[in-house]
Amino acid sequence: MVRKKLPPHGLLKTGEVARLVGVLPSTIRYYTQIGLLETAATTPGGQKLYDKEDTLNRVRMIKSIERQHLPLQTIRKILEDHRAKEL
Protein backbone atom coordinates (compact mmCIF):
# COMPACT_ATOMS: atom_id res chain seq x y z
CA MET A 1 0.00 0.00 0.00
CA VAL A 2 1.35 3.42 -0.98
CA ARG A 3 0.97 6.15 1.62
CA LYS A 4 0.39 9.69 0.49
CA LYS A 5 2.41 12.35 2.23
CA LEU A 6 0.05 14.78 3.92
CA PRO A 7 0.73 18.50 3.85
CA PRO A 8 1.55 20.22 7.16
CA HIS A 9 -1.42 20.76 9.48
CA GLY A 10 -3.67 23.59 8.33
CA LEU A 11 -2.38 23.58 4.76
CA LEU A 12 -4.21 22.18 1.75
CA LYS A 13 -3.13 21.15 -1.72
CA THR A 14 -4.80 22.67 -4.77
CA GLY A 15 -7.08 19.68 -5.35
CA GLU A 16 -8.16 19.61 -1.71
CA VAL A 17 -9.13 23.29 -1.79
CA ALA A 18 -11.05 22.73 -5.02
CA ARG A 19 -12.91 19.72 -3.64
CA LEU A 20 -13.90 21.51 -0.43
CA VAL A 21 -15.35 24.54 -2.22
CA GLY A 22 -16.80 22.71 -5.22
CA VAL A 23 -14.68 24.09 -8.04
CA LEU A 24 -12.16 22.59 -10.44
CA PRO A 25 -8.46 22.56 -9.48
CA SER A 26 -7.82 24.64 -12.60
CA THR A 27 -10.00 27.37 -11.04
CA ILE A 28 -7.78 27.45 -7.95
CA ARG A 29 -4.65 27.56 -10.13
CA TYR A 30 -6.15 30.38 -12.21
CA TYR A 31 -7.13 32.42 -9.14
CA THR A 32 -3.57 31.99 -7.87
CA GLN A 33 -2.06 32.95 -11.23
CA ILE A 34 -4.04 36.20 -11.43
CA GLY A 35 -3.39 37.11 -7.80
CA LEU A 36 -6.77 36.44 -6.19
CA LEU A 37 -5.28 33.68 -4.01
CA GLU A 38 -1.92 33.43 -2.28
CA THR A 39 -0.02 30.27 -1.48
CA ALA A 40 1.19 29.68 2.06
CA ALA A 41 4.02 27.34 1.08
CA THR A 42 5.38 25.16 -1.67
CA THR A 43 6.48 21.55 -1.28
CA PRO A 44 9.97 20.48 -2.37
CA GLY A 45 8.23 18.92 -5.39
CA GLY A 46 6.69 22.26 -6.35
CA GLN A 47 3.10 21.69 -5.19
CA LYS A 48 1.42 24.81 -3.92
CA LEU A 49 -0.06 24.68 -0.43
CA TYR A 50 -2.79 27.00 0.81
CA ASP A 51 -3.78 28.09 4.29
CA LYS A 52 -6.99 26.17 4.91
CA GLU A 53 -9.18 28.74 6.65
CA ASP A 54 -8.05 31.83 4.73
CA THR A 55 -8.19 30.19 1.32
CA LEU A 56 -11.55 28.49 1.77
CA ASN A 57 -13.10 31.75 2.97
CA ARG A 58 -11.51 33.70 0.13
CA VAL A 59 -12.65 31.29 -2.60
CA ARG A 60 -16.18 31.30 -1.21
CA MET A 61 -16.12 35.10 -1.24
CA ILE A 62 -14.84 35.13 -4.84
CA LYS A 63 -17.58 32.74 -5.96
CA SER A 64 -20.20 34.84 -4.19
CA ILE A 65 -18.99 38.02 -5.89
CA GLU A 66 -18.80 36.26 -9.27
CA ARG A 67 -22.50 35.41 -9.00
CA GLN A 68 -23.11 39.15 -9.20
CA HIS A 69 -21.43 39.09 -12.65
CA LEU A 70 -18.69 41.52 -11.64
CA PRO A 71 -15.41 41.57 -13.60
CA LEU A 72 -12.25 40.09 -12.10
CA GLN A 73 -10.69 43.55 -11.65
CA THR A 74 -13.62 44.54 -9.44
CA ILE A 75 -13.38 41.28 -7.50
CA ARG A 76 -9.66 41.90 -6.92
CA LYS A 77 -10.43 45.42 -5.59
CA ILE A 78 -13.15 44.11 -3.27
CA LEU A 79 -10.79 41.44 -1.92
CA GLU A 80 -8.01 44.01 -1.41
CA ASP A 81 -10.40 46.31 0.46
CA HIS A 82 -11.61 43.41 2.59
CA ARG A 83 -8.02 42.38 3.43
CA ALA A 84 -7.13 45.97 4.35
CA LYS A 85 -10.06 46.12 6.78
CA GLU A 86 -8.84 42.92 8.45
CA LEU A 87 -5.46 44.50 9.25
PDB file of N, CA and C in Angstrom:
ATOM      1  N   MET A   1       0.839  -1.179   0.000  1.00  0.00           N
ATOM      2  CA  MET A   1       0.000   0.000   0.000  1.00  0.00           C
ATOM      3  C   MET A   1       0.888   1.248   0.000  1.00  0.00           C
ATOM      4  N   VAL A   2       0.588   2.191  -0.879  1.00  0.00           N
ATOM      5  CA  VAL A   2       1.346   3.424  -0.981  1.00  0.00           C
ATOM      6  C   VAL A   2       0.689   4.469  -0.099  1.00  0.00           C
ATOM      7  N   ARG A   3       1.501   5.098   0.734  1.00  0.00           N
ATOM      8  CA  ARG A   3       0.973   6.148   1.616  1.00  0.00           C
ATOM      9  C   ARG A   3       1.238   7.508   0.997  1.00  0.00           C
ATOM     10  N   LYS A   4       0.224   8.327   0.973  1.00  0.00           N
ATOM     11  CA  LYS A   4       0.391   9.688   0.489  1.00  0.00           C
ATOM     12  C   LYS A   4       0.991  10.518   1.618  1.00  0.00           C
ATOM     13  N   LYS A   5       1.897  11.412   1.245  1.00  0.00           N
ATOM     14  CA  LYS A   5       2.408  12.354   2.230  1.00  0.00           C
ATOM     15  C   LYS A   5       1.370  13.445   2.407  1.00  0.00           C
ATOM     16  N   LEU A   6       1.025  13.730   3.628  1.00  0.00           N
ATOM     17  CA  LEU A   6       0.054  14.778   3.917  1.00  0.00           C
ATOM     18  C   LEU A   6       0.767  16.110   4.065  1.00  0.00           C
ATOM     19  N   PRO A   7       0.126  17.188   3.650  1.00  0.00           N
ATOM     20  CA  PRO A   7       0.733  18.498   3.854  1.00  0.00           C
ATOM     21  C   PRO A   7       0.734  18.837   5.341  1.00  0.00           C
ATOM     22  N   PRO A   8       1.554  19.806   5.751  1.00  0.00           N
ATOM     23  CA  PRO A   8       1.552  20.216   7.160  1.00  0.00           C
ATOM     24  C   PRO A   8       0.152  20.609   7.610  1.00  0.00           C
ATOM     25  N   HIS A   9      -0.105  20.461   8.899  1.00  0.00           N
ATOM     26  CA  HIS A   9      -1.417  20.757   9.477  1.00  0.00           C
ATOM     27  C   HIS A   9      -1.868  22.173   9.108  1.00  0.00           C
ATOM     28  N   GLY A  10      -3.103  22.294   8.665  1.00  0.00           N
ATOM     29  CA  GLY A  10      -3.671  23.594   8.327  1.00  0.00           C
ATOM     30  C   GLY A  10      -3.397  24.042   6.906  1.00  0.00           C
ATOM     31  N   LEU A  11      -2.658  23.235   6.149  1.00  0.00           N
ATOM     32  CA  LEU A  11      -2.376  23.575   4.756  1.00  0.00           C
ATOM     33  C   LEU A  11      -3.040  22.561   3.838  1.00  0.00           C
ATOM     34  N   LEU A  12      -3.521  23.037   2.714  1.00  0.00           N
ATOM     35  CA  LEU A  12      -4.211  22.179   1.751  1.00  0.00           C
ATOM     36  C   LEU A  12      -3.551  22.266   0.386  1.00  0.00           C
ATOM     37  N   LYS A  13      -3.582  21.161  -0.332  1.00  0.00           N
ATOM     38  CA  LYS A  13      -3.132  21.147  -1.719  1.00  0.00           C
ATOM     39  C   LYS A  13      -4.231  21.725  -2.603  1.00  0.00           C
ATOM     40  N   THR A  14      -3.862  22.073  -3.816  1.00  0.00           N
ATOM     41  CA  THR A  14      -4.799  22.674  -4.770  1.00  0.00           C
ATOM     42  C   THR A  14      -6.069  21.839  -4.925  1.00  0.00           C
ATOM     43  N   GLY A  15      -5.923  20.553  -5.145  1.00  0.00           N
ATOM     44  CA  GLY A  15      -7.081  19.680  -5.346  1.00  0.00           C
ATOM     45  C   GLY A  15      -7.974  19.598  -4.124  1.00  0.00           C
ATOM     46  N   GLU A  16      -7.369  19.661  -2.944  1.00  0.00           N
ATOM     47  CA  GLU A  16      -8.164  19.613  -1.707  1.00  0.00           C
ATOM     48  C   GLU A  16      -8.987  20.880  -1.551  1.00  0.00           C
ATOM     49  N   VAL A  17      -8.383  22.018  -1.841  1.00  0.00           N
ATOM     50  CA  VAL A  17      -9.129  23.287  -1.791  1.00  0.00           C
ATOM     51  C   VAL A  17     -10.299  23.220  -2.761  1.00  0.00           C
ATOM     52  N   ALA A  18     -10.018  22.798  -3.988  1.00  0.00           N
ATOM     53  CA  ALA A  18     -11.050  22.729  -5.022  1.00  0.00           C
ATOM     54  C   ALA A  18     -12.204  21.830  -4.597  1.00  0.00           C
ATOM     55  N   ARG A  19     -11.876  20.673  -4.054  1.00  0.00           N
ATOM     56  CA  ARG A  19     -12.913  19.716  -3.637  1.00  0.00           C
ATOM     57  C   ARG A  19     -13.778  20.305  -2.519  1.00  0.00           C
ATOM     58  N   LEU A  20     -13.162  20.978  -1.568  1.00  0.00           N
ATOM     59  CA  LEU A  20     -13.904  21.512  -0.425  1.00  0.00           C
ATOM     60  C   LEU A  20     -14.838  22.664  -0.790  1.00  0.00           C
ATOM     61  N   VAL A  21     -14.497  23.420  -1.831  1.00  0.00           N
ATOM     62  CA  VAL A  21     -15.355  24.543  -2.219  1.00  0.00           C
ATOM     63  C   VAL A  21     -16.167  24.269  -3.475  1.00  0.00           C
ATOM     64  N   GLY A  22     -15.971  23.101  -4.076  1.00  0.00           N
ATOM     65  CA  GLY A  22     -16.799  22.710  -5.216  1.00  0.00           C
ATOM     66  C   GLY A  22     -16.435  23.363  -6.532  1.00  0.00           C
ATOM     67  N   VAL A  23     -15.137  23.569  -6.754  1.00  0.00           N
ATOM     68  CA  VAL A  23     -14.682  24.095  -8.043  1.00  0.00           C
ATOM     69  C   VAL A  23     -13.622  23.150  -8.601  1.00  0.00           C
ATOM     70  N   LEU A  24     -13.215  23.389  -9.829  1.00  0.00           N
ATOM     71  CA  LEU A  24     -12.155  22.590 -10.435  1.00  0.00           C
ATOM     72  C   LEU A  24     -10.788  23.052  -9.928  1.00  0.00           C
ATOM     73  N   PRO A  25      -9.824  22.145  -9.853  1.00  0.00           N
ATOM     74  CA  PRO A  25      -8.462  22.557  -9.484  1.00  0.00           C
ATOM     75  C   PRO A  25      -7.913  23.644 -10.406  1.00  0.00           C
ATOM     76  N   SER A  26      -8.292  23.615 -11.668  1.00  0.00           N
ATOM     77  CA  SER A  26      -7.824  24.645 -12.600  1.00  0.00           C
ATOM     78  C   SER A  26      -8.324  26.034 -12.181  1.00  0.00           C
ATOM     79  N   THR A  27      -9.481  26.098 -11.542  1.00  0.00           N
ATOM     80  CA  THR A  27     -10.003  27.373 -11.038  1.00  0.00           C
ATOM     81  C   THR A  27      -9.093  27.909  -9.945  1.00  0.00           C
ATOM     82  N   ILE A  28      -8.674  27.042  -9.040  1.00  0.00           N
ATOM     83  CA  ILE A  28      -7.781  27.449  -7.951  1.00  0.00           C
ATOM     84  C   ILE A  28      -6.438  27.909  -8.537  1.00  0.00           C
ATOM     85  N   ARG A  29      -5.919  27.168  -9.491  1.00  0.00           N
ATOM     86  CA  ARG A  29      -4.649  27.560 -10.126  1.00  0.00           C
ATOM     87  C   ARG A  29      -4.792  28.914 -10.836  1.00  0.00           C
ATOM     88  N   TYR A  30      -5.917  29.118 -11.509  1.00  0.00           N
ATOM     89  CA  TYR A  30      -6.152  30.380 -12.213  1.00  0.00           C
ATOM     90  C   TYR A  30      -6.253  31.543 -11.222  1.00  0.00           C
ATOM     91  N   TYR A  31      -7.014  31.367 -10.156  1.00  0.00           N
ATOM     92  CA  TYR A  31      -7.131  32.419  -9.137  1.00  0.00           C
ATOM     93  C   TYR A  31      -5.761  32.766  -8.562  1.00  0.00           C
ATOM     94  N   THR A  32      -4.919  31.761  -8.382  1.00  0.00           N
ATOM     95  CA  THR A  32      -3.571  31.993  -7.867  1.00  0.00           C
ATOM     96  C   THR A  32      -2.740  32.756  -8.900  1.00  0.00           C
ATOM     97  N   GLN A  33      -2.834  32.326 -10.145  1.00  0.00           N
ATOM     98  CA  GLN A  33      -2.061  32.947 -11.228  1.00  0.00           C
ATOM     99  C   GLN A  33      -2.390  34.431 -11.376  1.00  0.00           C
ATOM    100  N   ILE A  34      -3.655  34.799 -11.234  1.00  0.00           N
ATOM    101  CA  ILE A  34      -4.043  36.205 -11.430  1.00  0.00           C
ATOM    102  C   ILE A  34      -4.022  37.010 -10.134  1.00  0.00           C
ATOM    103  N   GLY A  35      -3.596  36.378  -9.044  1.00  0.00           N
ATOM    104  CA  GLY A  35      -3.394  37.109  -7.801  1.00  0.00           C
ATOM    105  C   GLY A  35      -4.575  37.187  -6.858  1.00  0.00           C
ATOM    106  N   LEU A  36      -5.632  36.424  -7.108  1.00  0.00           N
ATOM    107  CA  LEU A  36      -6.769  36.441  -6.185  1.00  0.00           C
ATOM    108  C   LEU A  36      -6.518  35.558  -4.963  1.00  0.00           C
ATOM    109  N   LEU A  37      -5.644  34.559  -5.112  1.00  0.00           N
ATOM    110  CA  LEU A  37      -5.277  33.682  -4.007  1.00  0.00           C
ATOM    111  C   LEU A  37      -3.772  33.707  -3.822  1.00  0.00           C
ATOM    112  N   GLU A  38      -3.350  33.498  -2.581  1.00  0.00           N
ATOM    113  CA  GLU A  38      -1.923  33.426  -2.276  1.00  0.00           C
ATOM    114  C   GLU A  38      -1.619  32.046  -1.711  1.00  0.00           C
ATOM    115  N   THR A  39      -0.450  31.542  -2.058  1.00  0.00           N
ATOM    116  CA  THR A  39      -0.020  30.272  -1.482  1.00  0.00           C
ATOM    117  C   THR A  39       0.651  30.544  -0.147  1.00  0.00           C
ATOM    118  N   ALA A  40       0.540  29.566   0.755  1.00  0.00           N
ATOM    119  CA  ALA A  40       1.186  29.678   2.065  1.00  0.00           C
ATOM    120  C   ALA A  40       2.563  29.042   2.043  1.00  0.00           C
ATOM    121  N   ALA A  41       2.745  28.057   1.171  1.00  0.00           N
ATOM    122  CA  ALA A  41       4.017  27.340   1.076  1.00  0.00           C
ATOM    123  C   ALA A  41       4.046  26.556  -0.218  1.00  0.00           C
ATOM    124  N   THR A  42       5.209  26.030  -0.515  1.00  0.00           N
ATOM    125  CA  THR A  42       5.383  25.160  -1.674  1.00  0.00           C
ATOM    126  C   THR A  42       6.180  23.946  -1.219  1.00  0.00           C
ATOM    127  N   THR A  43       5.768  22.768  -1.648  1.00  0.00           N
ATOM    128  CA  THR A  43       6.478  21.548  -1.281  1.00  0.00           C
ATOM    129  C   THR A  43       7.799  21.485  -2.056  1.00  0.00           C
ATOM    130  N   PRO A  44       8.720  20.647  -1.606  1.00  0.00           N
ATOM    131  CA  PRO A  44       9.969  20.477  -2.367  1.00  0.00           C
ATOM    132  C   PRO A  44       9.710  20.033  -3.809  1.00  0.00           C
ATOM    133  N   GLY A  45       8.601  19.353  -4.040  1.00  0.00           N
ATOM    134  CA  GLY A  45       8.235  18.916  -5.389  1.00  0.00           C
ATOM    135  C   GLY A  45       7.535  19.979  -6.208  1.00  0.00           C
ATOM    136  N   GLY A  46       7.291  21.153  -5.624  1.00  0.00           N
ATOM    137  CA  GLY A  46       6.687  22.262  -6.355  1.00  0.00           C
ATOM    138  C   GLY A  46       5.184  22.405  -6.202  1.00  0.00           C
ATOM    139  N   GLN A  47       4.544  21.543  -5.388  1.00  0.00           N
ATOM    140  CA  GLN A  47       3.099  21.685  -5.186  1.00  0.00           C
ATOM    141  C   GLN A  47       2.811  22.888  -4.302  1.00  0.00           C
ATOM    142  N   LYS A  48       1.822  23.653  -4.713  1.00  0.00           N
ATOM    143  CA  LYS A  48       1.419  24.812  -3.922  1.00  0.00           C
ATOM    144  C   LYS A  48       0.536  24.354  -2.765  1.00  0.00           C
ATOM    145  N   LEU A  49       0.752  24.959  -1.610  1.00  0.00           N
ATOM    146  CA  LEU A  49      -0.060  24.680  -0.427  1.00  0.00           C
ATOM    147  C   LEU A  49      -0.728  25.973   0.000  1.00  0.00           C
ATOM    148  N   TYR A  50      -1.973  25.841   0.437  1.00  0.00           N
ATOM    149  CA  TYR A  50      -2.785  26.998   0.809  1.00  0.00           C
ATOM    150  C   TYR A  50      -3.196  26.894   2.261  1.00  0.00           C
ATOM    151  N   ASP A  51      -3.260  28.039   2.939  1.00  0.00           N
ATOM    152  CA  ASP A  51      -3.776  28.087   4.290  1.00  0.00           C
ATOM    153  C   ASP A  51      -5.259  27.724   4.238  1.00  0.00           C
ATOM    154  N   LYS A  52      -5.632  26.725   5.005  1.00  0.00           N
ATOM    155  CA  LYS A  52      -6.989  26.168   4.910  1.00  0.00           C
ATOM    156  C   LYS A  52      -8.072  27.218   5.139  1.00  0.00           C
ATOM    157  N   GLU A  53      -8.083  27.834   6.298  1.00  0.00           N
ATOM    158  CA  GLU A  53      -9.179  28.744   6.654  1.00  0.00           C
ATOM    159  C   GLU A  53      -9.232  29.960   5.739  1.00  0.00           C
ATOM    160  N   ASP A  54      -8.089  30.613   5.556  1.00  0.00           N
ATOM    161  CA  ASP A  54      -8.047  31.825   4.733  1.00  0.00           C
ATOM    162  C   ASP A  54      -8.461  31.544   3.295  1.00  0.00           C
ATOM    163  N   THR A  55      -7.920  30.484   2.734  1.00  0.00           N
ATOM    164  CA  THR A  55      -8.188  30.188   1.322  1.00  0.00           C
ATOM    165  C   THR A  55      -9.626  29.765   1.081  1.00  0.00           C
ATOM    166  N   LEU A  56     -10.157  28.915   1.944  1.00  0.00           N
ATOM    167  CA  LEU A  56     -11.551  28.489   1.765  1.00  0.00           C
ATOM    168  C   LEU A  56     -12.490  29.687   1.859  1.00  0.00           C
ATOM    169  N   ASN A  57     -12.264  30.554   2.838  1.00  0.00           N
ATOM    170  CA  ASN A  57     -13.099  31.753   2.974  1.00  0.00           C
ATOM    171  C   ASN A  57     -12.962  32.656   1.750  1.00  0.00           C
ATOM    172  N   ARG A  58     -11.751  32.816   1.272  1.00  0.00           N
ATOM    173  CA  ARG A  58     -11.508  33.696   0.131  1.00  0.00           C
ATOM    174  C   ARG A  58     -12.147  33.153  -1.144  1.00  0.00           C
ATOM    175  N   VAL A  59     -12.036  31.867  -1.400  1.00  0.00           N
ATOM    176  CA  VAL A  59     -12.647  31.287  -2.603  1.00  0.00           C
ATOM    177  C   VAL A  59     -14.166  31.403  -2.517  1.00  0.00           C
ATOM    178  N   ARG A  60     -14.714  31.149  -1.361  1.00  0.00           N
ATOM    179  CA  ARG A  60     -16.176  31.300  -1.207  1.00  0.00           C
ATOM    180  C   ARG A  60     -16.605  32.733  -1.470  1.00  0.00           C
ATOM    181  N   MET A  61     -15.809  33.697  -1.002  1.00  0.00           N
ATOM    182  CA  MET A  61     -16.117  35.103  -1.240  1.00  0.00           C
ATOM    183  C   MET A  61     -16.025  35.410  -2.738  1.00  0.00           C
ATOM    184  N   ILE A  62     -14.994  34.911  -3.403  1.00  0.00           N
ATOM    185  CA  ILE A  62     -14.835  35.134  -4.844  1.00  0.00           C
ATOM    186  C   ILE A  62     -16.037  34.578  -5.597  1.00  0.00           C
ATOM    187  N   LYS A  63     -16.436  33.365  -5.282  1.00  0.00           N
ATOM    188  CA  LYS A  63     -17.577  32.739  -5.961  1.00  0.00           C
ATOM    189  C   LYS A  63     -18.860  33.531  -5.714  1.00  0.00           C
ATOM    190  N   SER A  64     -19.025  34.034  -4.513  1.00  0.00           N
ATOM    191  CA  SER A  64     -20.203  34.835  -4.188  1.00  0.00           C
ATOM    192  C   SER A  64     -20.225  36.124  -5.011  1.00  0.00           C
ATOM    193  N   ILE A  65     -19.082  36.782  -5.110  1.00  0.00           N
ATOM    194  CA  ILE A  65     -18.994  38.019  -5.888  1.00  0.00           C
ATOM    195  C   ILE A  65     -19.196  37.725  -7.371  1.00  0.00           C
ATOM    196  N   GLU A  66     -18.636  36.615  -7.855  1.00  0.00           N
ATOM    197  CA  GLU A  66     -18.797  36.255  -9.274  1.00  0.00           C
ATOM    198  C   GLU A  66     -20.264  36.070  -9.651  1.00  0.00           C
ATOM    199  N   ARG A  67     -21.066  35.602  -8.710  1.00  0.00           N
ATOM    200  CA  ARG A  67     -22.501  35.406  -8.997  1.00  0.00           C
ATOM    201  C   ARG A  67     -23.199  36.724  -9.289  1.00  0.00           C
ATOM    202  N   GLN A  68     -22.552  37.822  -8.914  1.00  0.00           N
ATOM    203  CA  GLN A  68     -23.106  39.147  -9.200  1.00  0.00           C
ATOM    204  C   GLN A  68     -22.619  39.660 -10.560  1.00  0.00           C
ATOM    205  N   HIS A  69     -21.908  38.789 -11.301  1.00  0.00           N
ATOM    206  CA  HIS A  69     -21.428  39.090 -12.653  1.00  0.00           C
ATOM    207  C   HIS A  69     -20.503  40.301 -12.697  1.00  0.00           C
ATOM    208  N   LEU A  70     -19.665  40.439 -11.667  1.00  0.00           N
ATOM    209  CA  LEU A  70     -18.690  41.520 -11.642  1.00  0.00           C
ATOM    210  C   LEU A  70     -17.390  41.048 -12.290  1.00  0.00           C
ATOM    211  N   PRO A  71     -16.677  41.953 -12.952  1.00  0.00           N
ATOM    212  CA  PRO A  71     -15.415  41.567 -13.599  1.00  0.00           C
ATOM    213  C   PRO A  71     -14.326  41.257 -12.567  1.00  0.00           C
ATOM    214  N   LEU A  72     -13.321  40.499 -13.006  1.00  0.00           N
ATOM    215  CA  LEU A  72     -12.247  40.092 -12.097  1.00  0.00           C
ATOM    216  C   LEU A  72     -11.509  41.275 -11.486  1.00  0.00           C
ATOM    217  N   GLN A  73     -11.358  42.359 -12.201  1.00  0.00           N
ATOM    218  CA  GLN A  73     -10.692  43.546 -11.646  1.00  0.00           C
ATOM    219  C   GLN A  73     -11.471  44.089 -10.454  1.00  0.00           C
ATOM    220  N   THR A  74     -12.776  44.080 -10.541  1.00  0.00           N
ATOM    221  CA  THR A  74     -13.617  44.540  -9.437  1.00  0.00           C
ATOM    222  C   THR A  74     -13.516  43.574  -8.264  1.00  0.00           C
ATOM    223  N   ILE A  75     -13.518  42.285  -8.563  1.00  0.00           N
ATOM    224  CA  ILE A  75     -13.383  41.276  -7.504  1.00  0.00           C
ATOM    225  C   ILE A  75     -12.058  41.466  -6.780  1.00  0.00           C
ATOM    226  N   ARG A  76     -10.979  41.678  -7.523  1.00  0.00           N
ATOM    227  CA  ARG A  76      -9.660  41.902  -6.920  1.00  0.00           C
ATOM    228  C   ARG A  76      -9.710  43.105  -5.978  1.00  0.00           C
ATOM    229  N   LYS A  77     -10.333  44.199  -6.411  1.00  0.00           N
ATOM    230  CA  LYS A  77     -10.428  45.417  -5.594  1.00  0.00           C
ATOM    231  C   LYS A  77     -11.231  45.150  -4.321  1.00  0.00           C
ATOM    232  N   ILE A  78     -12.335  44.440  -4.440  1.00  0.00           N
ATOM    233  CA  ILE A  78     -13.154  44.106  -3.268  1.00  0.00           C
ATOM    234  C   ILE A  78     -12.346  43.279  -2.283  1.00  0.00           C
ATOM    235  N   LEU A  79     -11.601  42.294  -2.790  1.00  0.00           N
ATOM    236  CA  LEU A  79     -10.786  41.444  -1.917  1.00  0.00           C
ATOM    237  C   LEU A  79      -9.675  42.246  -1.245  1.00  0.00           C
ATOM    238  N   GLU A  80      -9.052  43.161  -1.991  1.00  0.00           N
ATOM    239  CA  GLU A  80      -8.008  44.011  -1.407  1.00  0.00           C
ATOM    240  C   GLU A  80      -8.581  44.894  -0.308  1.00  0.00           C
ATOM    241  N   ASP A  81      -9.745  45.480  -0.548  1.00  0.00           N
ATOM    242  CA  ASP A  81     -10.396  46.314   0.459  1.00  0.00           C
ATOM    243  C   ASP A  81     -10.754  45.491   1.696  1.00  0.00           C
ATOM    244  N   HIS A  82     -11.238  44.289   1.479  1.00  0.00           N
ATOM    245  CA  HIS A  82     -11.606  43.407   2.588  1.00  0.00           C
ATOM    246  C   HIS A  82     -10.372  43.055   3.412  1.00  0.00           C
ATOM    247  N   ARG A  83      -9.267  42.727   2.741  1.00  0.00           N
ATOM    248  CA  ARG A  83      -8.017  42.382   3.428  1.00  0.00           C
ATOM    249  C   ARG A  83      -7.507  43.567   4.227  1.00  0.00           C
ATOM    250  N   ALA A  84      -7.591  44.787   3.666  1.00  0.00           N
ATOM    251  CA  ALA A  84      -7.128  45.974   4.348  1.00  0.00           C
ATOM    252  C   ALA A  84      -7.927  46.224   5.632  1.00  0.00           C
ATOM    253  N   LYS A  85      -9.221  45.934   5.589  1.00  0.00           N
ATOM    254  CA  LYS A  85     -10.061  46.117   6.783  1.00  0.00           C
ATOM    255  C   LYS A  85      -9.709  45.129   7.875  1.00  0.00           C
ATOM    256  N   GLU A  86      -9.216  43.924   7.473  1.00  0.00           N
ATOM    257  CA  GLU A  86      -8.844  42.916   8.448  1.00  0.00           C
ATOM    258  C   GLU A  86      -7.591  43.285   9.223  1.00  0.00           C
ATOM    259  N   LEU A  87      -6.726  44.107   8.612  1.00  0.00           N
ATOM    260  CA  LEU A  87      -5.463  44.496   9.252  1.00  0.00           C
ATOM    261  C   LEU A  87      -5.692  45.577  10.215  1.00  0.00           C
TER     262      LEU A  87
END
